[in-house]
Full PDB file with SEQRES, HELIX, SHEET, SSBOND, CRYST1, ORIGX, SCALE, CONECT and MASTER records, all heavy atoms in Angstrom:
SEQRES   1 A   32  SER VAL LYS GLY ARG PHE THR ILE SER ARG GLU ASN ALA          
SEQRES   2 A   32  LYS ASN THR VAL TYR LEU GLN MET ASP SER LEU LYS PRO          
SEQRES   3 A   32  GLU ASP THR ALA LEU TYR                                      
HELIX    1 AA1 ASN A   12  LYS A   14  5                                   3    
HELIX    2 AA2 PRO A   26  ASP A   28  5                                   3    
SHEET    1 AA1 2 PHE A   6  GLU A  11  0                                        
SHEET    2 AA1 2 THR A  16  MET A  21 -1                                        
CRYST1    1.000    1.000    1.000  90.00  90.00  90.00 P 1           1          
ORIGX1      1.000000  0.000000  0.000000        0.00000                         
ORIGX2      0.000000  1.000000  0.000000        0.00000                         
ORIGX3      0.000000  0.000000  1.000000        0.00000                         
SCALE1      1.000000  0.000000  0.000000        0.00000                         
SCALE2      0.000000  1.000000  0.000000        0.00000                         
SCALE3      0.000000  0.000000  1.000000        0.00000                         
ATOM      1  N   SER A   1      -3.160 -11.659  -7.513  1.00  0.00           N  
ATOM      2  CA  SER A   1      -3.988 -12.729  -7.901  1.00  0.00           C  
ATOM      3  C   SER A   1      -3.616 -14.090  -7.258  1.00  0.00           C  
ATOM      4  O   SER A   1      -4.474 -14.998  -7.281  1.00  0.00           O  
ATOM      5  CB  SER A   1      -3.847 -12.862  -9.480  1.00  0.00           C  
ATOM      6  OG  SER A   1      -2.493 -13.142  -9.842  1.00  0.00           O  
ATOM      7  N   VAL A   2      -2.435 -14.160  -6.682  1.00  0.00           N  
ATOM      8  CA  VAL A   2      -2.137 -15.419  -6.067  1.00  0.00           C  
ATOM      9  C   VAL A   2      -1.779 -15.356  -4.551  1.00  0.00           C  
ATOM     10  O   VAL A   2      -1.539 -16.387  -3.900  1.00  0.00           O  
ATOM     11  CB  VAL A   2      -0.839 -16.113  -6.700  1.00  0.00           C  
ATOM     12  CG1 VAL A   2      -1.128 -16.209  -8.280  1.00  0.00           C  
ATOM     13  CG2 VAL A   2       0.394 -15.330  -6.479  1.00  0.00           C  
ATOM     14  N   LYS A   3      -1.805 -14.169  -4.071  1.00  0.00           N  
ATOM     15  CA  LYS A   3      -1.452 -13.951  -2.658  1.00  0.00           C  
ATOM     16  C   LYS A   3      -2.284 -14.664  -1.750  1.00  0.00           C  
ATOM     17  O   LYS A   3      -3.526 -14.731  -1.934  1.00  0.00           O  
ATOM     18  CB  LYS A   3      -1.513 -12.373  -2.328  1.00  0.00           C  
ATOM     19  CG  LYS A   3      -0.768 -11.949  -1.131  1.00  0.00           C  
ATOM     20  CD  LYS A   3      -0.842 -10.479  -0.944  1.00  0.00           C  
ATOM     21  CE  LYS A   3       0.003  -9.811  -2.054  1.00  0.00           C  
ATOM     22  NZ  LYS A   3       0.023  -8.344  -1.955  1.00  0.00           N  
ATOM     23  N   GLY A   4      -1.817 -15.393  -0.830  1.00  0.00           N  
ATOM     24  CA  GLY A   4      -2.553 -16.238   0.114  1.00  0.00           C  
ATOM     25  C   GLY A   4      -2.738 -17.621  -0.400  1.00  0.00           C  
ATOM     26  O   GLY A   4      -3.157 -18.521   0.404  1.00  0.00           O  
ATOM     27  N   ARG A   5      -2.438 -17.910  -1.617  1.00  0.00           N  
ATOM     28  CA  ARG A   5      -2.678 -19.275  -2.211  1.00  0.00           C  
ATOM     29  C   ARG A   5      -1.373 -19.926  -2.634  1.00  0.00           C  
ATOM     30  O   ARG A   5      -1.203 -21.147  -2.592  1.00  0.00           O  
ATOM     31  CB  ARG A   5      -3.689 -19.151  -3.404  1.00  0.00           C  
ATOM     32  CG  ARG A   5      -5.003 -18.645  -3.078  1.00  0.00           C  
ATOM     33  CD  ARG A   5      -5.994 -18.789  -4.234  1.00  0.00           C  
ATOM     34  NE  ARG A   5      -5.477 -17.989  -5.407  1.00  0.00           N  
ATOM     35  CZ  ARG A   5      -5.244 -18.531  -6.644  1.00  0.00           C  
ATOM     36  NH1 ARG A   5      -5.317 -19.827  -6.810  1.00  0.00           N  
ATOM     37  NH2 ARG A   5      -4.801 -17.785  -7.616  1.00  0.00           N  
ATOM     38  N   PHE A   6      -0.407 -19.126  -3.029  1.00  0.00           N  
ATOM     39  CA  PHE A   6       0.890 -19.674  -3.495  1.00  0.00           C  
ATOM     40  C   PHE A   6       1.929 -19.297  -2.557  1.00  0.00           C  
ATOM     41  O   PHE A   6       1.913 -18.233  -1.884  1.00  0.00           O  
ATOM     42  CB  PHE A   6       1.245 -18.987  -4.865  1.00  0.00           C  
ATOM     43  CG  PHE A   6       0.418 -19.404  -6.020  1.00  0.00           C  
ATOM     44  CD1 PHE A   6      -0.807 -20.125  -5.926  1.00  0.00           C  
ATOM     45  CD2 PHE A   6       0.770 -19.080  -7.332  1.00  0.00           C  
ATOM     46  CE1 PHE A   6      -1.567 -20.533  -6.951  1.00  0.00           C  
ATOM     47  CE2 PHE A   6       0.151 -19.496  -8.439  1.00  0.00           C  
ATOM     48  CZ  PHE A   6      -1.116 -20.184  -8.245  1.00  0.00           C  
ATOM     49  N   THR A   7       2.948 -20.131  -2.416  1.00  0.00           N  
ATOM     50  CA  THR A   7       4.140 -19.928  -1.550  1.00  0.00           C  
ATOM     51  C   THR A   7       5.398 -20.209  -2.342  1.00  0.00           C  
ATOM     52  O   THR A   7       5.573 -21.363  -2.872  1.00  0.00           O  
ATOM     53  CB  THR A   7       4.054 -20.784  -0.295  1.00  0.00           C  
ATOM     54  OG1 THR A   7       2.799 -20.561   0.391  1.00  0.00           O  
ATOM     55  CG2 THR A   7       5.226 -20.451   0.636  1.00  0.00           C  
ATOM     56  N   ILE A   8       6.324 -19.230  -2.339  1.00  0.00           N  
ATOM     57  CA  ILE A   8       7.606 -19.438  -2.980  1.00  0.00           C  
ATOM     58  C   ILE A   8       8.658 -19.758  -1.946  1.00  0.00           C  
ATOM     59  O   ILE A   8       8.594 -19.223  -0.817  1.00  0.00           O  
ATOM     60  CB  ILE A   8       7.988 -18.190  -3.800  1.00  0.00           C  
ATOM     61  CG1 ILE A   8       9.216 -18.444  -4.736  1.00  0.00           C  
ATOM     62  CG2 ILE A   8       8.225 -17.015  -2.932  1.00  0.00           C  
ATOM     63  CD1 ILE A   8       9.403 -17.386  -5.752  1.00  0.00           C  
ATOM     64  N   SER A   9       9.538 -20.667  -2.291  1.00  0.00           N  
ATOM     65  CA  SER A   9      10.609 -20.981  -1.385  1.00  0.00           C  
ATOM     66  C   SER A   9      11.830 -21.400  -2.203  1.00  0.00           C  
ATOM     67  O   SER A   9      11.753 -21.617  -3.455  1.00  0.00           O  
ATOM     68  CB  SER A   9      10.203 -22.092  -0.404  1.00  0.00           C  
ATOM     69  OG  SER A   9       9.900 -23.285  -1.125  1.00  0.00           O  
ATOM     70  N   ARG A  10      13.012 -21.531  -1.509  1.00  0.00           N  
ATOM     71  CA  ARG A  10      14.177 -21.975  -2.192  1.00  0.00           C  
ATOM     72  C   ARG A  10      14.986 -22.928  -1.316  1.00  0.00           C  
ATOM     73  O   ARG A  10      14.908 -22.775  -0.113  1.00  0.00           O  
ATOM     74  CB  ARG A  10      14.974 -20.787  -2.621  1.00  0.00           C  
ATOM     75  CG  ARG A  10      15.520 -19.931  -1.523  1.00  0.00           C  
ATOM     76  CD  ARG A  10      16.096 -18.632  -2.179  1.00  0.00           C  
ATOM     77  NE  ARG A  10      17.228 -18.874  -3.138  1.00  0.00           N  
ATOM     78  CZ  ARG A  10      17.519 -18.031  -4.133  1.00  0.00           C  
ATOM     79  NH1 ARG A  10      16.835 -16.929  -4.205  1.00  0.00           N  
ATOM     80  NH2 ARG A  10      18.464 -18.367  -5.010  1.00  0.00           N  
ATOM     81  N   GLU A  11      15.665 -23.836  -1.929  1.00  0.00           N  
ATOM     82  CA  GLU A  11      16.591 -24.746  -1.259  1.00  0.00           C  
ATOM     83  C   GLU A  11      17.894 -24.678  -1.955  1.00  0.00           C  
ATOM     84  O   GLU A  11      18.159 -25.343  -2.967  1.00  0.00           O  
ATOM     85  CB  GLU A  11      15.982 -26.148  -1.265  1.00  0.00           C  
ATOM     86  CG  GLU A  11      16.633 -27.150  -0.303  1.00  0.00           C  
ATOM     87  CD  GLU A  11      15.945 -28.394  -0.210  1.00  0.00           C  
ATOM     88  OE1 GLU A  11      14.826 -28.631  -0.838  1.00  0.00           O  
ATOM     89  OE2 GLU A  11      16.357 -29.354   0.484  1.00  0.00           O  
ATOM     90  N   ASN A  12      18.722 -23.841  -1.447  1.00  0.00           N  
ATOM     91  CA  ASN A  12      19.999 -23.534  -2.163  1.00  0.00           C  
ATOM     92  C   ASN A  12      20.916 -24.796  -2.223  1.00  0.00           C  
ATOM     93  O   ASN A  12      21.636 -24.942  -3.121  1.00  0.00           O  
ATOM     94  CB  ASN A  12      20.769 -22.380  -1.508  1.00  0.00           C  
ATOM     95  CG  ASN A  12      20.052 -21.109  -1.784  1.00  0.00           C  
ATOM     96  OD1 ASN A  12      19.315 -20.904  -2.746  1.00  0.00           O  
ATOM     97  ND2 ASN A  12      20.446 -20.056  -1.022  1.00  0.00           N  
ATOM     98  N   ALA A  13      20.762 -25.678  -1.260  1.00  0.00           N  
ATOM     99  CA  ALA A  13      21.558 -26.905  -1.274  1.00  0.00           C  
ATOM    100  C   ALA A  13      21.243 -27.733  -2.413  1.00  0.00           C  
ATOM    101  O   ALA A  13      22.040 -28.561  -2.941  1.00  0.00           O  
ATOM    102  CB  ALA A  13      21.378 -27.647   0.051  1.00  0.00           C  
ATOM    103  N   LYS A  14      20.001 -27.642  -2.949  1.00  0.00           N  
ATOM    104  CA  LYS A  14      19.555 -28.409  -4.078  1.00  0.00           C  
ATOM    105  C   LYS A  14      19.555 -27.514  -5.358  1.00  0.00           C  
ATOM    106  O   LYS A  14      19.047 -27.914  -6.409  1.00  0.00           O  
ATOM    107  CB  LYS A  14      18.161 -29.052  -3.850  1.00  0.00           C  
ATOM    108  CG  LYS A  14      18.157 -30.056  -2.712  1.00  0.00           C  
ATOM    109  CD  LYS A  14      16.834 -30.746  -2.702  1.00  0.00           C  
ATOM    110  CE  LYS A  14      16.899 -31.913  -1.706  1.00  0.00           C  
ATOM    111  NZ  LYS A  14      15.648 -32.640  -1.629  1.00  0.00           N  
ATOM    112  N   ASN A  15      19.961 -26.268  -5.161  1.00  0.00           N  
ATOM    113  CA  ASN A  15      19.967 -25.366  -6.338  1.00  0.00           C  
ATOM    114  C   ASN A  15      18.558 -25.231  -7.006  1.00  0.00           C  
ATOM    115  O   ASN A  15      18.460 -25.239  -8.224  1.00  0.00           O  
ATOM    116  CB  ASN A  15      21.042 -25.792  -7.355  1.00  0.00           C  
ATOM    117  CG  ASN A  15      21.760 -24.652  -8.003  1.00  0.00           C  
ATOM    118  OD1 ASN A  15      21.753 -23.514  -7.605  1.00  0.00           O  
ATOM    119  ND2 ASN A  15      22.299 -24.879  -9.228  1.00  0.00           N  
ATOM    120  N   THR A  16      17.612 -25.113  -6.164  1.00  0.00           N  
ATOM    121  CA  THR A  16      16.207 -25.246  -6.663  1.00  0.00           C  
ATOM    122  C   THR A  16      15.326 -24.177  -5.934  1.00  0.00           C  
ATOM    123  O   THR A  16      15.527 -23.939  -4.741  1.00  0.00           O  
ATOM    124  CB  THR A  16      15.648 -26.694  -6.407  1.00  0.00           C  
ATOM    125  OG1 THR A  16      16.510 -27.611  -7.133  1.00  0.00           O  
ATOM    126  CG2 THR A  16      14.246 -26.784  -6.911  1.00  0.00           C  
ATOM    127  N   VAL A  17      14.373 -23.710  -6.679  1.00  0.00           N  
ATOM    128  CA  VAL A  17      13.328 -22.767  -6.211  1.00  0.00           C  
ATOM    129  C   VAL A  17      12.003 -23.465  -6.445  1.00  0.00           C  
ATOM    130  O   VAL A  17      11.769 -24.126  -7.457  1.00  0.00           O  
ATOM    131  CB  VAL A  17      13.428 -21.424  -6.814  1.00  0.00           C  
ATOM    132  CG1 VAL A  17      12.270 -20.515  -6.374  1.00  0.00           C  
ATOM    133  CG2 VAL A  17      14.738 -20.779  -6.429  1.00  0.00           C  
ATOM    134  N   TYR A  18      11.058 -23.344  -5.469  1.00  0.00           N  
ATOM    135  CA  TYR A  18       9.765 -23.990  -5.567  1.00  0.00           C  
ATOM    136  C   TYR A  18       8.678 -22.950  -5.543  1.00  0.00           C  
ATOM    137  O   TYR A  18       8.796 -21.814  -5.091  1.00  0.00           O  
ATOM    138  CB  TYR A  18       9.564 -24.882  -4.397  1.00  0.00           C  
ATOM    139  CG  TYR A  18      10.671 -25.931  -4.176  1.00  0.00           C  
ATOM    140  CD1 TYR A  18      11.688 -25.737  -3.219  1.00  0.00           C  
ATOM    141  CD2 TYR A  18      10.686 -27.110  -4.901  1.00  0.00           C  
ATOM    142  CE1 TYR A  18      12.709 -26.660  -3.063  1.00  0.00           C  
ATOM    143  CE2 TYR A  18      11.687 -28.047  -4.769  1.00  0.00           C  
ATOM    144  CZ  TYR A  18      12.671 -27.864  -3.863  1.00  0.00           C  
ATOM    145  OH  TYR A  18      13.663 -28.790  -3.743  1.00  0.00           O  
ATOM    146  N   LEU A  19       7.572 -23.404  -6.198  1.00  0.00           N  
ATOM    147  CA  LEU A  19       6.327 -22.598  -6.117  1.00  0.00           C  
ATOM    148  C   LEU A  19       5.194 -23.550  -5.660  1.00  0.00           C  
ATOM    149  O   LEU A  19       4.732 -24.353  -6.476  1.00  0.00           O  
ATOM    150  CB  LEU A  19       5.983 -21.891  -7.418  1.00  0.00           C  
ATOM    151  CG  LEU A  19       4.781 -20.902  -7.319  1.00  0.00           C  
ATOM    152  CD1 LEU A  19       5.125 -19.702  -6.467  1.00  0.00           C  
ATOM    153  CD2 LEU A  19       4.380 -20.472  -8.747  1.00  0.00           C  
ATOM    154  N   GLN A  20       4.803 -23.435  -4.380  1.00  0.00           N  
ATOM    155  CA  GLN A  20       3.670 -24.310  -3.960  1.00  0.00           C  
ATOM    156  C   GLN A  20       2.383 -23.586  -4.293  1.00  0.00           C  
ATOM    157  O   GLN A  20       2.160 -22.366  -3.860  1.00  0.00           O  
ATOM    158  CB  GLN A  20       3.757 -24.513  -2.386  1.00  0.00           C  
ATOM    159  CG  GLN A  20       2.578 -25.326  -1.829  1.00  0.00           C  
ATOM    160  CD  GLN A  20       2.544 -26.730  -2.254  1.00  0.00           C  
ATOM    161  OE1 GLN A  20       3.540 -27.464  -2.349  1.00  0.00           O  
ATOM    162  NE2 GLN A  20       1.337 -27.164  -2.644  1.00  0.00           N  
ATOM    163  N   MET A  21       1.514 -24.255  -5.044  1.00  0.00           N  
ATOM    164  CA  MET A  21       0.260 -23.592  -5.480  1.00  0.00           C  
ATOM    165  C   MET A  21      -0.922 -24.326  -4.870  1.00  0.00           C  
ATOM    166  O   MET A  21      -1.074 -25.517  -5.255  1.00  0.00           O  
ATOM    167  CB  MET A  21       0.213 -23.608  -7.047  1.00  0.00           C  
ATOM    168  CG  MET A  21       1.450 -22.974  -7.682  1.00  0.00           C  
ATOM    169  SD  MET A  21       1.246 -22.854  -9.421  1.00  0.00           S  
ATOM    170  CE  MET A  21       1.042 -24.511  -9.945  1.00  0.00           C  
ATOM    171  N   ASP A  22      -1.643 -23.691  -4.096  1.00  0.00           N  
ATOM    172  CA  ASP A  22      -2.830 -24.303  -3.388  1.00  0.00           C  
ATOM    173  C   ASP A  22      -4.082 -23.578  -3.811  1.00  0.00           C  
ATOM    174  O   ASP A  22      -4.028 -22.447  -4.328  1.00  0.00           O  
ATOM    175  CB  ASP A  22      -2.704 -24.194  -1.859  1.00  0.00           C  
ATOM    176  CG  ASP A  22      -1.456 -24.968  -1.369  1.00  0.00           C  
ATOM    177  OD1 ASP A  22      -1.275 -26.088  -1.871  1.00  0.00           O  
ATOM    178  OD2 ASP A  22      -0.748 -24.481  -0.417  1.00  0.00           O  
ATOM    179  N   SER A  23      -5.180 -24.205  -3.576  1.00  0.00           N  
ATOM    180  CA  SER A  23      -6.525 -23.632  -3.893  1.00  0.00           C  
ATOM    181  C   SER A  23      -6.497 -23.096  -5.376  1.00  0.00           C  
ATOM    182  O   SER A  23      -6.941 -21.995  -5.643  1.00  0.00           O  
ATOM    183  CB  SER A  23      -6.823 -22.434  -2.946  1.00  0.00           C  
ATOM    184  OG  SER A  23      -6.865 -22.905  -1.628  1.00  0.00           O  
ATOM    185  N   LEU A  24      -6.064 -23.945  -6.210  1.00  0.00           N  
ATOM    186  CA  LEU A  24      -5.947 -23.569  -7.582  1.00  0.00           C  
ATOM    187  C   LEU A  24      -7.245 -23.268  -8.294  1.00  0.00           C  
ATOM    188  O   LEU A  24      -8.315 -23.889  -7.902  1.00  0.00           O  
ATOM    189  CB  LEU A  24      -5.170 -24.626  -8.448  1.00  0.00           C  
ATOM    190  CG  LEU A  24      -3.703 -24.529  -8.213  1.00  0.00           C  
ATOM    191  CD1 LEU A  24      -3.040 -25.887  -8.707  1.00  0.00           C  
ATOM    192  CD2 LEU A  24      -3.105 -23.466  -8.919  1.00  0.00           C  
ATOM    193  N   LYS A  25      -7.353 -22.319  -9.151  1.00  0.00           N  
ATOM    194  CA  LYS A  25      -8.520 -21.826  -9.897  1.00  0.00           C  
ATOM    195  C   LYS A  25      -8.255 -22.094 -11.324  1.00  0.00           C  
ATOM    196  O   LYS A  25      -7.204 -22.036 -11.857  1.00  0.00           O  
ATOM    197  CB  LYS A  25      -8.821 -20.430  -9.538  1.00  0.00           C  
ATOM    198  CG  LYS A  25      -8.919 -20.037  -8.130  1.00  0.00           C  
ATOM    199  CD  LYS A  25      -9.019 -18.599  -7.886  1.00  0.00           C  
ATOM    200  CE  LYS A  25      -9.085 -18.152  -6.487  1.00  0.00           C  
ATOM    201  NZ  LYS A  25      -9.305 -16.730  -6.303  1.00  0.00           N  
ATOM    202  N   PRO A  26      -9.322 -22.170 -12.139  1.00  0.00           N  
ATOM    203  CA  PRO A  26      -9.178 -22.256 -13.618  1.00  0.00           C  
ATOM    204  C   PRO A  26      -8.430 -21.056 -14.208  1.00  0.00           C  
ATOM    205  O   PRO A  26      -7.666 -21.319 -15.140  1.00  0.00           O  
ATOM    206  CB  PRO A  26     -10.625 -22.323 -14.067  1.00  0.00           C  
ATOM    207  CG  PRO A  26     -11.437 -22.956 -13.019  1.00  0.00           C  
ATOM    208  CD  PRO A  26     -10.801 -22.401 -11.740  1.00  0.00           C  
ATOM    209  N   GLU A  27      -8.505 -19.927 -13.549  1.00  0.00           N  
ATOM    210  CA  GLU A  27      -7.795 -18.780 -14.130  1.00  0.00           C  
ATOM    211  C   GLU A  27      -6.264 -18.886 -13.824  1.00  0.00           C  
ATOM    212  O   GLU A  27      -5.526 -18.018 -14.264  1.00  0.00           O  
ATOM    213  CB  GLU A  27      -8.428 -17.442 -13.694  1.00  0.00           C  
ATOM    214  CG  GLU A  27      -8.575 -17.416 -12.169  1.00  0.00           C  
ATOM    215  CD  GLU A  27      -9.966 -17.763 -11.603  1.00  0.00           C  
ATOM    216  OE1 GLU A  27     -10.513 -18.786 -12.199  1.00  0.00           O  
ATOM    217  OE2 GLU A  27     -10.475 -17.028 -10.718  1.00  0.00           O  
ATOM    218  N   ASP A  28      -5.902 -19.844 -13.061  1.00  0.00           N  
ATOM    219  CA  ASP A  28      -4.431 -20.093 -12.859  1.00  0.00           C  
ATOM    220  C   ASP A  28      -3.813 -20.861 -14.070  1.00  0.00           C  
ATOM    221  O   ASP A  28      -2.571 -21.010 -14.078  1.00  0.00           O  
ATOM    222  CB  ASP A  28      -4.168 -20.806 -11.541  1.00  0.00           C  
ATOM    223  CG  ASP A  28      -4.511 -19.988 -10.413  1.00  0.00           C  
ATOM    224  OD1 ASP A  28      -4.224 -18.814 -10.257  1.00  0.00           O  
ATOM    225  OD2 ASP A  28      -5.147 -20.612  -9.399  1.00  0.00           O  
ATOM    226  N   THR A  29      -4.655 -21.285 -14.942  1.00  0.00           N  
ATOM    227  CA  THR A  29      -4.095 -22.115 -16.104  1.00  0.00           C  
ATOM    228  C   THR A  29      -3.245 -21.325 -16.975  1.00  0.00           C  
ATOM    229  O   THR A  29      -3.574 -20.195 -17.403  1.00  0.00           O  
ATOM    230  CB  THR A  29      -5.312 -22.617 -16.925  1.00  0.00           C  
ATOM    231  OG1 THR A  29      -6.074 -23.513 -16.167  1.00  0.00           O  
ATOM    232  CG2 THR A  29      -4.792 -23.258 -18.217  1.00  0.00           C  
ATOM    233  N   ALA A  30      -1.959 -21.717 -17.123  1.00  0.00           N  
ATOM    234  CA  ALA A  30      -1.021 -20.994 -17.901  1.00  0.00           C  
ATOM    235  C   ALA A  30       0.355 -21.861 -17.973  1.00  0.00           C  
ATOM    236  O   ALA A  30       0.411 -22.927 -17.329  1.00  0.00           O  
ATOM    237  CB  ALA A  30      -0.664 -19.692 -17.164  1.00  0.00           C  
ATOM    238  N   LEU A  31       1.228 -21.323 -18.810  1.00  0.00           N  
ATOM    239  CA  LEU A  31       2.547 -21.835 -18.867  1.00  0.00           C  
ATOM    240  C   LEU A  31       3.412 -21.054 -17.840  1.00  0.00           C  
ATOM    241  O   LEU A  31       3.453 -19.870 -17.856  1.00  0.00           O  
ATOM    242  CB  LEU A  31       3.104 -21.749 -20.289  1.00  0.00           C  
ATOM    243  CG  LEU A  31       4.485 -22.366 -20.552  1.00  0.00           C  
ATOM    244  CD1 LEU A  31       4.342 -23.873 -20.367  1.00  0.00           C  
ATOM    245  CD2 LEU A  31       4.905 -22.030 -21.951  1.00  0.00           C  
ATOM    246  N   TYR A  32       3.943 -21.801 -16.890  1.00  0.00           N  
ATOM    247  CA  TYR A  32       4.654 -21.176 -15.814  1.00  0.00           C  
ATOM    248  C   TYR A  32       6.216 -21.241 -16.091  1.00  0.00           C  
ATOM    249  O   TYR A  32       6.763 -22.322 -16.419  1.00  0.00           O  
ATOM    250  CB  TYR A  32       4.330 -21.846 -14.465  1.00  0.00           C  
ATOM    251  CG  TYR A  32       2.963 -21.452 -13.931  1.00  0.00           C  
ATOM    252  CD1 TYR A  32       1.846 -21.892 -14.541  1.00  0.00           C  
ATOM    253  CD2 TYR A  32       2.897 -20.638 -12.820  1.00  0.00           C  
ATOM    254  CE1 TYR A  32       0.600 -21.498 -14.059  1.00  0.00           C  
ATOM    255  CE2 TYR A  32       1.680 -20.251 -12.313  1.00  0.00           C  
ATOM    256  CZ  TYR A  32       0.502 -20.701 -12.913  1.00  0.00           C  
ATOM    257  OH  TYR A  32      -0.666 -20.303 -12.473  1.00  0.00           O  
TER     258      TYR A  32                                                      
MASTER        0    0    0    2    2    0    0    6  257    1    0    3          
END                                                                             
């Protein structure tokens, strides 16, 4: 459902993981 629109990445130096969400759709509405 998100392939090609979302990108996951991590920055261990900041102890953080990211989720870049592009081309968002109403059906992406949720608690993440």
